[in-house]
N, C-alpha and C. Protein backbone atom coordinates (compact mmCIF):
# COMPACT_ATOMS: atom_id res chain seq x y z
N MET A 1 6.94 -37.50 -1.94
CA MET A 1 7.51 -35.99 -2.23
C MET A 1 6.08 -35.32 -2.47
N LEU A 2 5.98 -34.04 -1.96
CA LEU A 2 5.00 -33.13 -2.28
C LEU A 2 5.05 -32.60 -3.52
N MET A 3 3.96 -32.21 -4.29
CA MET A 3 3.96 -31.53 -5.45
C MET A 3 3.55 -30.06 -5.30
N PRO A 4 4.10 -29.15 -6.18
CA PRO A 4 3.62 -27.79 -6.07
C PRO A 4 2.03 -27.74 -6.20
N ALA A 5 1.41 -26.54 -5.62
CA ALA A 5 0.06 -26.41 -5.74
C ALA A 5 -0.38 -26.18 -7.09
N GLU A 6 -1.53 -26.64 -7.43
CA GLU A 6 -2.23 -26.59 -8.81
C GLU A 6 -3.22 -25.33 -8.81
N LYS A 7 -3.67 -24.86 -7.64
CA LYS A 7 -4.66 -23.92 -7.53
C LYS A 7 -4.59 -23.34 -6.11
N ILE A 8 -5.17 -22.26 -5.91
CA ILE A 8 -5.32 -21.42 -4.59
C ILE A 8 -6.49 -22.08 -3.83
N SER A 9 -6.34 -22.47 -2.80
CA SER A 9 -7.50 -23.07 -2.09
C SER A 9 -7.49 -22.66 -0.39
N LEU A 10 -8.54 -22.43 0.08
CA LEU A 10 -8.63 -22.42 1.48
C LEU A 10 -9.01 -23.58 2.25
N THR A 11 -9.23 -24.73 1.47
CA THR A 11 -9.51 -26.06 2.05
C THR A 11 -8.71 -26.45 3.12
N ASN A 12 -7.49 -26.39 3.09
CA ASN A 12 -6.60 -26.87 4.20
C ASN A 12 -6.21 -25.71 5.18
N ALA A 13 -6.63 -24.54 4.95
CA ALA A 13 -6.25 -23.43 5.71
C ALA A 13 -7.10 -23.45 7.10
N LYS A 14 -6.37 -23.10 8.16
CA LYS A 14 -7.00 -22.99 9.41
C LYS A 14 -7.93 -21.65 9.69
N ASN A 15 -9.08 -21.70 10.01
CA ASN A 15 -9.98 -20.71 9.99
C ASN A 15 -9.49 -19.58 10.89
N ASP A 16 -8.76 -19.93 11.92
CA ASP A 16 -8.29 -18.86 12.77
C ASP A 16 -6.98 -18.14 12.23
N LYS A 17 -6.58 -18.44 11.07
CA LYS A 17 -5.31 -17.94 10.60
C LYS A 17 -5.59 -17.15 9.30
N LEU A 18 -6.90 -16.86 8.88
CA LEU A 18 -7.32 -16.00 7.85
C LEU A 18 -7.22 -14.70 7.97
N PHE A 19 -6.68 -13.85 7.10
CA PHE A 19 -6.68 -12.34 7.18
C PHE A 19 -6.56 -11.85 5.68
N TYR A 20 -7.03 -10.64 5.58
CA TYR A 20 -6.80 -9.84 4.45
C TYR A 20 -5.33 -9.42 4.58
N PHE A 21 -4.50 -9.46 3.58
CA PHE A 21 -3.09 -8.83 3.74
C PHE A 21 -3.31 -7.58 2.84
N VAL A 22 -2.90 -6.37 3.48
CA VAL A 22 -2.95 -5.08 2.76
C VAL A 22 -1.78 -4.32 2.95
N ALA A 23 -1.24 -3.66 1.96
CA ALA A 23 -0.11 -3.02 1.91
C ALA A 23 -0.37 -1.40 1.46
N ASN A 24 0.22 -0.58 2.21
CA ASN A 24 0.01 0.83 1.98
C ASN A 24 1.39 1.36 1.73
N VAL A 25 1.32 2.51 0.88
CA VAL A 25 2.71 3.17 0.61
C VAL A 25 2.60 4.72 0.79
N VAL A 26 3.53 5.35 1.46
CA VAL A 26 3.56 6.77 1.43
C VAL A 26 4.44 7.02 0.35
N VAL A 27 4.06 7.98 -0.69
CA VAL A 27 4.75 8.40 -1.72
C VAL A 27 5.39 9.67 -1.42
N TRP A 28 6.73 9.80 -1.63
CA TRP A 28 7.60 10.97 -1.36
C TRP A 28 8.12 11.28 -2.89
N ARG A 29 7.94 12.83 -2.91
CA ARG A 29 8.36 13.48 -4.32
C ARG A 29 9.57 14.34 -3.88
N GLU A 30 10.78 14.00 -4.45
CA GLU A 30 11.88 14.55 -4.03
C GLU A 30 12.10 16.09 -4.46
N GLU A 31 11.40 16.57 -5.52
CA GLU A 31 11.51 18.01 -5.95
C GLU A 31 11.02 19.04 -4.98
N ASP A 32 10.14 18.63 -3.98
CA ASP A 32 9.75 19.40 -3.06
C ASP A 32 9.72 19.00 -1.57
N GLY A 33 10.04 17.67 -1.63
CA GLY A 33 10.02 16.90 -0.13
C GLY A 33 8.70 16.77 0.31
N ARG A 34 7.76 16.43 -0.46
CA ARG A 34 6.27 16.35 -0.08
C ARG A 34 5.77 14.92 -0.38
N CYS A 35 4.76 14.49 0.46
CA CYS A 35 4.05 13.22 0.31
C CYS A 35 2.62 13.38 -0.17
N LEU A 36 2.17 12.50 -0.92
CA LEU A 36 0.88 12.44 -1.51
C LEU A 36 -0.24 11.80 -0.47
N ILE A 37 -1.35 12.55 -0.29
CA ILE A 37 -2.40 11.83 0.51
C ILE A 37 -3.65 11.99 -0.42
N LEU A 38 -4.54 11.18 -0.24
CA LEU A 38 -5.78 11.02 -0.91
C LEU A 38 -6.93 11.03 -0.03
N LYS A 39 -7.99 11.83 -0.36
CA LYS A 39 -9.20 11.81 0.48
C LYS A 39 -10.07 10.56 -0.05
N ARG A 40 -10.54 9.71 0.92
CA ARG A 40 -11.52 8.58 0.53
C ARG A 40 -12.90 9.03 0.53
N ALA A 41 -13.45 8.54 -0.55
CA ALA A 41 -14.87 8.98 -0.86
C ALA A 41 -15.75 8.64 0.32
N ALA A 42 -16.92 9.25 0.58
CA ALA A 42 -17.83 9.09 1.74
C ALA A 42 -18.44 7.87 1.59
N THR A 43 -18.50 7.14 0.42
CA THR A 43 -19.12 5.85 0.30
C THR A 43 -18.12 4.59 0.73
N GLU A 44 -16.88 4.99 0.94
CA GLU A 44 -16.00 3.92 1.42
C GLU A 44 -16.49 3.14 2.63
N LYS A 45 -16.30 1.86 2.58
CA LYS A 45 -16.61 1.09 3.97
C LYS A 45 -15.83 1.46 5.28
N VAL A 46 -14.47 1.70 4.75
CA VAL A 46 -13.52 1.90 5.88
C VAL A 46 -12.87 3.31 5.76
N HIS A 47 -12.94 3.97 7.00
CA HIS A 47 -12.61 5.47 7.00
C HIS A 47 -13.14 6.27 5.90
N PRO A 48 -14.26 6.30 5.70
CA PRO A 48 -14.96 7.13 4.60
C PRO A 48 -14.65 8.76 4.94
N GLY A 49 -14.20 9.42 3.81
CA GLY A 49 -14.11 10.91 4.08
C GLY A 49 -12.72 11.25 4.62
N LYS A 50 -12.04 10.30 5.07
CA LYS A 50 -10.49 10.49 5.70
C LYS A 50 -9.51 10.55 4.60
N TYR A 51 -8.36 11.41 4.81
CA TYR A 51 -7.28 11.35 4.10
C TYR A 51 -6.40 10.08 4.31
N CYS A 52 -5.80 9.60 3.24
CA CYS A 52 -5.01 8.34 3.52
C CYS A 52 -3.83 8.24 2.47
N VAL A 53 -3.06 7.15 2.39
CA VAL A 53 -2.12 7.02 1.41
C VAL A 53 -2.53 5.77 0.51
N MET A 54 -2.07 5.56 -0.47
CA MET A 54 -2.37 4.56 -1.55
C MET A 54 -2.00 3.21 -1.04
N GLY A 55 -2.80 2.15 -1.49
CA GLY A 55 -2.42 0.92 -1.10
C GLY A 55 -3.62 0.03 -1.45
N GLY A 56 -3.66 -1.38 -1.12
CA GLY A 56 -4.55 -2.26 -1.39
C GLY A 56 -4.25 -3.58 -0.93
N LYS A 57 -5.20 -4.56 -1.16
CA LYS A 57 -5.27 -5.95 -0.68
C LYS A 57 -4.45 -6.80 -1.70
N LEU A 58 -3.75 -7.70 -1.18
CA LEU A 58 -3.18 -8.77 -2.09
C LEU A 58 -4.29 -9.65 -2.57
N GLU A 59 -4.49 -9.91 -3.61
CA GLU A 59 -5.47 -10.72 -4.30
C GLU A 59 -4.85 -12.19 -4.69
N TRP A 60 -5.83 -13.16 -5.03
CA TRP A 60 -5.36 -14.36 -5.38
C TRP A 60 -4.91 -14.18 -6.84
N LYS A 61 -5.34 -13.25 -7.54
CA LYS A 61 -4.88 -12.98 -9.01
C LYS A 61 -3.42 -12.57 -9.02
N ASP A 62 -2.96 -11.88 -7.95
CA ASP A 62 -1.69 -11.56 -7.79
C ASP A 62 -0.71 -12.71 -7.77
N LEU A 63 -1.13 -13.81 -7.21
CA LEU A 63 -0.38 -15.17 -7.44
C LEU A 63 -0.73 -16.12 -8.35
N ASP A 64 -0.29 -15.65 -9.68
CA ASP A 64 -0.50 -16.42 -10.88
C ASP A 64 0.15 -17.98 -10.76
N ILE A 65 -0.73 -18.93 -10.38
CA ILE A 65 -0.30 -20.18 -9.90
C ILE A 65 0.59 -20.77 -11.18
N LYS A 66 0.12 -20.48 -12.40
CA LYS A 66 0.93 -20.97 -13.54
C LYS A 66 2.27 -20.55 -13.79
N ASN A 67 2.56 -19.29 -13.16
CA ASN A 67 3.79 -18.45 -13.55
C ASN A 67 4.28 -17.89 -12.10
N PRO A 68 4.89 -18.93 -11.31
CA PRO A 68 5.57 -18.41 -10.09
C PRO A 68 6.88 -17.87 -10.58
N THR A 69 7.43 -17.03 -9.82
CA THR A 69 8.71 -16.51 -10.32
C THR A 69 9.96 -17.41 -9.95
N ARG A 70 9.52 -18.41 -9.02
CA ARG A 70 10.53 -19.38 -8.59
C ARG A 70 9.76 -20.65 -7.94
N LEU A 71 10.47 -21.64 -8.35
CA LEU A 71 10.01 -23.01 -7.53
C LEU A 71 11.01 -23.35 -6.54
N ASN A 72 10.58 -23.34 -5.45
CA ASN A 72 11.40 -23.54 -4.02
C ASN A 72 11.02 -24.92 -3.54
N GLY A 73 11.63 -25.90 -3.97
CA GLY A 73 11.21 -27.31 -3.72
C GLY A 73 9.82 -27.45 -4.11
N GLU A 74 8.90 -27.78 -3.33
CA GLU A 74 7.46 -28.01 -3.80
C GLU A 74 6.66 -26.71 -3.54
N VAL A 75 7.44 -25.59 -3.06
CA VAL A 75 6.73 -24.35 -2.79
C VAL A 75 6.80 -23.51 -4.07
N LEU A 76 5.70 -22.79 -4.32
CA LEU A 76 5.67 -21.88 -5.42
C LEU A 76 5.92 -20.38 -4.88
N ASP A 77 6.89 -19.88 -5.34
CA ASP A 77 7.31 -18.46 -4.77
C ASP A 77 6.92 -17.45 -5.74
N PHE A 78 6.41 -16.12 -5.18
CA PHE A 78 5.96 -15.28 -6.01
C PHE A 78 6.86 -13.97 -5.49
N GLU A 79 7.95 -13.72 -6.07
CA GLU A 79 8.83 -12.70 -5.49
C GLU A 79 8.37 -11.29 -5.89
N ASN A 80 8.62 -10.24 -5.01
CA ASN A 80 8.22 -9.03 -5.14
C ASN A 80 6.71 -8.70 -5.28
N ALA A 81 5.98 -9.51 -4.51
CA ALA A 81 4.39 -9.38 -4.61
C ALA A 81 4.06 -8.01 -4.01
N ILE A 82 4.60 -7.69 -2.95
CA ILE A 82 4.17 -6.43 -2.15
C ILE A 82 4.72 -5.11 -3.18
N GLU A 83 5.72 -5.29 -3.64
CA GLU A 83 6.37 -4.12 -4.69
C GLU A 83 5.31 -4.09 -5.78
N ASN A 84 5.08 -5.10 -6.40
CA ASN A 84 4.23 -5.20 -7.57
C ASN A 84 2.75 -4.64 -7.32
N LEU A 85 2.31 -5.20 -6.02
CA LEU A 85 0.91 -4.82 -5.67
C LEU A 85 0.94 -3.21 -5.37
N LEU A 86 1.84 -2.60 -4.80
CA LEU A 86 1.87 -1.21 -4.75
C LEU A 86 2.05 -0.33 -5.80
N VAL A 87 3.05 -0.89 -6.69
CA VAL A 87 3.33 -0.10 -7.94
C VAL A 87 1.77 -0.03 -8.78
N ARG A 88 1.06 -1.16 -8.78
CA ARG A 88 -0.11 -1.30 -9.52
C ARG A 88 -1.15 -0.40 -8.73
N GLU A 89 -1.29 -0.47 -7.49
CA GLU A 89 -2.38 0.25 -6.68
C GLU A 89 -2.04 1.80 -6.86
N VAL A 90 -0.85 2.20 -6.78
CA VAL A 90 -0.57 3.66 -6.92
C VAL A 90 -1.03 4.18 -8.39
N ARG A 91 -0.78 3.46 -9.29
CA ARG A 91 -1.18 3.86 -10.64
C ARG A 91 -2.60 3.81 -10.66
N GLU A 92 -3.33 2.83 -10.20
CA GLU A 92 -4.63 2.65 -10.24
C GLU A 92 -5.38 3.79 -9.41
N GLU A 93 -4.91 4.12 -8.30
CA GLU A 93 -5.63 5.02 -7.29
C GLU A 93 -5.22 6.61 -7.70
N ALA A 94 -4.01 6.65 -8.07
CA ALA A 94 -3.51 8.11 -8.17
C ALA A 94 -2.99 8.54 -9.55
N GLY A 95 -2.92 7.32 -10.57
CA GLY A 95 -2.31 7.73 -11.68
C GLY A 95 -1.01 8.07 -11.97
N ILE A 96 -0.16 7.66 -10.82
CA ILE A 96 1.19 8.09 -10.90
C ILE A 96 2.14 6.83 -10.91
N ASP A 97 3.44 7.01 -11.06
CA ASP A 97 4.29 5.83 -11.03
C ASP A 97 5.22 6.10 -9.93
N ILE A 98 5.55 4.95 -9.15
CA ILE A 98 6.64 5.00 -8.04
C ILE A 98 7.77 4.06 -8.42
N LYS A 99 9.02 4.27 -7.76
CA LYS A 99 10.05 3.47 -7.91
C LYS A 99 9.76 2.26 -7.12
N PRO A 100 10.15 1.01 -7.51
CA PRO A 100 9.70 -0.14 -6.92
C PRO A 100 10.42 -0.41 -5.71
N THR A 101 11.37 0.27 -5.32
CA THR A 101 12.25 0.02 -4.12
C THR A 101 11.36 0.62 -2.73
N LEU A 102 11.08 -0.34 -1.92
CA LEU A 102 10.22 0.18 -0.74
C LEU A 102 11.23 0.10 0.47
N SER A 103 10.71 1.05 1.40
CA SER A 103 11.26 1.03 2.82
C SER A 103 10.07 0.82 3.84
N TYR A 104 10.34 -0.09 4.61
CA TYR A 104 9.33 -0.50 5.60
C TYR A 104 9.15 0.54 6.54
N ILE A 105 7.87 0.85 6.88
CA ILE A 105 7.69 1.86 8.10
C ILE A 105 7.15 1.21 9.32
N ASN A 106 6.03 0.36 9.12
CA ASN A 106 5.62 -0.30 10.21
C ASN A 106 4.42 -1.00 9.76
N SER A 107 3.70 -1.71 10.76
CA SER A 107 2.54 -2.48 10.47
C SER A 107 1.46 -2.43 11.56
N VAL A 108 0.23 -2.81 11.25
CA VAL A 108 -0.74 -2.89 12.40
C VAL A 108 -1.71 -3.98 11.78
N ALA A 109 -2.32 -4.66 12.78
CA ALA A 109 -3.54 -5.58 12.54
C ALA A 109 -4.68 -4.90 13.18
N PHE A 110 -5.90 -5.19 12.51
CA PHE A 110 -7.11 -4.53 12.84
C PHE A 110 -8.23 -5.45 12.48
N VAL A 111 -9.50 -5.00 12.97
CA VAL A 111 -10.73 -5.71 12.41
C VAL A 111 -11.50 -4.51 11.82
N ARG A 112 -11.85 -4.73 10.74
CA ARG A 112 -12.63 -4.04 9.95
C ARG A 112 -14.08 -3.84 10.64
N PRO A 113 -14.91 -2.78 10.17
CA PRO A 113 -16.40 -2.76 10.70
C PRO A 113 -17.19 -3.85 10.17
N ASP A 114 -16.77 -4.48 9.13
CA ASP A 114 -17.59 -5.60 8.49
C ASP A 114 -16.88 -6.98 9.20
N GLU A 115 -16.07 -6.91 10.26
CA GLU A 115 -15.69 -8.12 10.84
C GLU A 115 -14.53 -8.99 10.16
N ILE A 116 -14.01 -8.26 9.19
CA ILE A 116 -12.88 -9.05 8.60
C ILE A 116 -11.61 -8.47 9.19
N PRO A 117 -10.74 -9.48 9.72
CA PRO A 117 -9.42 -8.99 10.17
C PRO A 117 -8.35 -8.89 9.06
N VAL A 118 -7.51 -7.82 9.30
CA VAL A 118 -6.63 -7.32 8.33
C VAL A 118 -5.20 -7.27 8.99
N VAL A 119 -4.16 -7.62 8.18
CA VAL A 119 -2.83 -7.36 8.39
C VAL A 119 -2.41 -6.25 7.53
N LEU A 120 -2.06 -4.97 7.92
CA LEU A 120 -1.58 -3.98 7.20
C LEU A 120 -0.08 -3.77 7.31
N ALA A 121 0.65 -3.72 6.24
CA ALA A 121 2.12 -3.49 6.27
C ALA A 121 2.26 -2.18 5.54
N LYS A 122 3.05 -1.12 6.14
CA LYS A 122 3.11 0.21 5.61
C LYS A 122 4.49 0.37 5.08
N PHE A 123 4.62 1.07 3.90
CA PHE A 123 5.89 1.21 3.29
C PHE A 123 6.02 2.80 2.89
N SER A 124 7.31 3.22 2.51
CA SER A 124 7.57 4.42 1.81
C SER A 124 8.22 3.98 0.46
N ALA A 125 8.01 5.06 -0.59
CA ALA A 125 8.40 4.93 -1.92
C ALA A 125 8.57 6.25 -2.53
N GLN A 126 9.63 6.16 -3.55
CA GLN A 126 9.79 7.58 -3.97
C GLN A 126 8.93 7.76 -5.37
N TYR A 127 8.43 8.85 -5.53
CA TYR A 127 7.63 9.41 -6.76
C TYR A 127 8.49 9.17 -7.94
N LYS A 128 7.95 8.58 -8.95
CA LYS A 128 8.65 8.39 -10.24
C LYS A 128 8.26 9.29 -11.25
N GLY A 129 6.87 9.52 -11.39
CA GLY A 129 6.37 10.51 -12.40
C GLY A 129 5.02 10.37 -12.58
N GLY A 130 4.52 11.25 -13.45
CA GLY A 130 2.97 11.24 -13.70
C GLY A 130 2.19 12.39 -13.01
N ASP A 131 1.02 12.52 -13.57
CA ASP A 131 0.17 13.77 -12.83
C ASP A 131 -0.97 12.95 -12.08
N VAL A 132 -1.40 13.38 -11.04
CA VAL A 132 -2.32 12.68 -10.02
C VAL A 132 -3.57 12.68 -10.83
N ARG A 133 -4.14 11.61 -10.96
CA ARG A 133 -5.62 11.39 -11.56
C ARG A 133 -6.19 10.39 -10.69
N LEU A 134 -7.07 10.87 -9.85
CA LEU A 134 -7.75 9.98 -8.89
C LEU A 134 -8.73 9.08 -9.41
N GLU A 135 -8.67 7.84 -8.69
CA GLU A 135 -9.69 6.69 -9.13
C GLU A 135 -11.07 7.23 -8.90
N GLU A 136 -11.86 7.25 -9.82
CA GLU A 136 -13.26 7.74 -9.79
C GLU A 136 -14.10 6.95 -8.83
N GLY A 137 -14.77 7.66 -7.99
CA GLY A 137 -15.90 6.94 -6.94
C GLY A 137 -15.02 6.46 -5.81
N VAL A 138 -13.79 6.59 -5.81
CA VAL A 138 -13.13 5.93 -4.53
C VAL A 138 -12.34 7.13 -3.67
N PHE A 139 -11.85 7.98 -4.48
CA PHE A 139 -11.22 9.29 -3.89
C PHE A 139 -11.76 10.70 -4.40
N ASP A 140 -11.91 11.52 -3.60
CA ASP A 140 -12.49 12.89 -3.92
C ASP A 140 -11.48 14.00 -3.98
N ASP A 141 -10.36 13.87 -3.36
CA ASP A 141 -9.41 15.05 -3.40
C ASP A 141 -8.16 14.54 -3.02
N PHE A 142 -6.92 15.36 -3.05
CA PHE A 142 -5.71 15.00 -2.91
C PHE A 142 -4.78 16.10 -2.50
N ALA A 143 -3.71 15.82 -1.93
CA ALA A 143 -2.71 16.93 -1.53
C ALA A 143 -1.51 16.39 -1.43
N TRP A 144 -0.41 17.14 -1.88
CA TRP A 144 1.03 16.96 -1.63
C TRP A 144 1.39 17.81 -0.33
N VAL A 145 1.88 17.00 0.60
CA VAL A 145 1.95 17.68 2.07
C VAL A 145 3.36 17.39 2.63
N ASN A 146 3.74 18.39 3.34
CA ASN A 146 4.98 18.00 4.36
C ASN A 146 4.54 17.56 5.76
N GLU A 147 5.35 17.38 6.65
CA GLU A 147 5.11 16.87 8.03
C GLU A 147 4.24 17.77 8.73
N LYS A 148 4.40 19.15 8.41
CA LYS A 148 3.57 20.28 9.19
C LYS A 148 2.17 20.34 8.49
N GLU A 149 2.16 20.20 7.30
CA GLU A 149 0.91 20.53 6.54
C GLU A 149 -0.02 19.37 6.64
N VAL A 150 0.49 18.24 6.84
CA VAL A 150 -0.41 17.02 6.94
C VAL A 150 -1.34 17.26 8.28
N GLY A 151 -0.93 17.96 9.18
CA GLY A 151 -1.86 18.13 10.34
C GLY A 151 -3.10 18.82 10.05
N GLN A 152 -3.14 19.58 8.94
CA GLN A 152 -4.37 20.30 8.50
C GLN A 152 -5.42 19.45 7.78
N TYR A 153 -5.25 18.13 7.68
CA TYR A 153 -6.20 17.35 7.14
C TYR A 153 -6.62 16.36 8.01
N ASP A 154 -7.99 15.81 7.75
CA ASP A 154 -8.43 14.74 8.57
C ASP A 154 -8.15 13.49 8.11
N CYS A 155 -6.93 12.90 8.77
CA CYS A 155 -6.19 11.85 8.26
C CYS A 155 -6.56 10.64 9.17
N ILE A 156 -6.58 9.38 8.54
CA ILE A 156 -6.51 8.19 9.37
C ILE A 156 -5.46 8.13 10.15
N LYS A 157 -5.67 7.74 11.40
CA LYS A 157 -4.57 7.69 12.54
C LYS A 157 -3.51 7.01 12.04
N GLY A 158 -2.26 7.64 12.31
CA GLY A 158 -0.85 7.11 11.92
C GLY A 158 -0.53 7.77 10.72
N ILE A 159 -1.26 8.37 9.79
CA ILE A 159 -0.84 8.98 8.64
C ILE A 159 0.22 10.07 8.85
N PRO A 160 -0.10 10.94 9.56
CA PRO A 160 0.89 12.05 9.92
C PRO A 160 2.14 11.60 10.38
N GLU A 161 2.27 10.56 11.28
CA GLU A 161 3.56 9.94 11.66
C GLU A 161 4.34 9.27 10.59
N GLU A 162 3.46 8.61 9.68
CA GLU A 162 4.21 7.90 8.53
C GLU A 162 4.64 8.88 7.62
N ILE A 163 3.93 9.85 7.26
CA ILE A 163 4.43 11.02 6.57
C ILE A 163 5.93 11.60 6.98
N ALA A 164 5.78 11.85 8.22
CA ALA A 164 7.01 12.52 8.95
C ALA A 164 8.13 11.34 8.83
N ALA A 165 8.04 10.08 9.01
CA ALA A 165 8.98 9.19 8.94
C ALA A 165 9.46 9.05 7.53
N THR A 166 8.66 9.15 6.50
CA THR A 166 9.07 9.08 5.21
C THR A 166 9.93 10.13 4.68
N ILE A 167 9.37 11.38 5.11
CA ILE A 167 10.27 12.54 4.81
C ILE A 167 11.54 12.42 5.46
N ALA A 168 11.67 12.08 6.67
CA ALA A 168 12.92 11.92 7.43
C ALA A 168 13.78 10.92 6.75
N LEU A 169 13.17 9.82 6.40
CA LEU A 169 14.02 8.91 5.65
C LEU A 169 14.69 9.18 4.36
N PHE A 170 13.84 9.88 3.58
CA PHE A 170 14.34 10.32 2.17
C PHE A 170 15.13 11.56 2.22
N ARG A 171 14.76 12.41 3.16
CA ARG A 171 15.48 13.75 3.37
C ARG A 171 16.89 13.45 3.81
N SER A 172 17.23 12.30 4.40
CA SER A 172 18.45 11.95 4.92
C SER A 172 19.40 11.24 3.73
N VAL A 173 18.76 10.97 2.55
CA VAL A 173 19.63 10.37 1.53
C VAL A 173 19.46 11.31 0.33
N SER A 174 18.77 12.50 0.38
CA SER A 174 18.52 13.34 -0.89
C SER A 174 19.39 14.69 -0.73
N SER A 175 19.07 15.35 -1.72
CA SER A 175 19.80 16.78 -1.69
C SER A 175 18.80 17.80 -1.08
N ILE A 176 17.43 17.31 -0.73
CA ILE A 176 16.51 18.23 -0.13
C ILE A 176 16.93 18.61 1.37
N PRO A 177 16.98 19.94 1.86
CA PRO A 177 17.34 20.07 3.07
C PRO A 177 16.15 19.88 4.15
């Protein structure tokens, strides 16, 4: 019988199966039906100076090997890993809180300029509270935008469509016309 993992290791991983896993979230504010975008600093490796939404990479520290949420036979489960990642990243990058219930938007796989392959899953979530405080050195500016206003900003490709999809999703279940 197999035993649960005692550490995280790439020793047995197949080299052609390794990717960064990244999740992004479009944050929607019910009071005015707008979404938050942030401008990446000019020093960022990927998409410098472009407007984006919050997110980040799933890291090994996110999988506390000594504290899985569930033992599934010999497999260690870490439930809500993406939700926890995005709640943390939004707080770190923008200083605000979101509701941890996510709605899936879409995904994309890409290769970064530094040759690292990435799988990016995109979600939407509702704003919970707080004032925007940008992570220093990472972001230069921010805006709360609707589906028309986002077109006035130099965004990473796909962001305007994700803003529109998020607004349509939440507008359909809220009191905002």
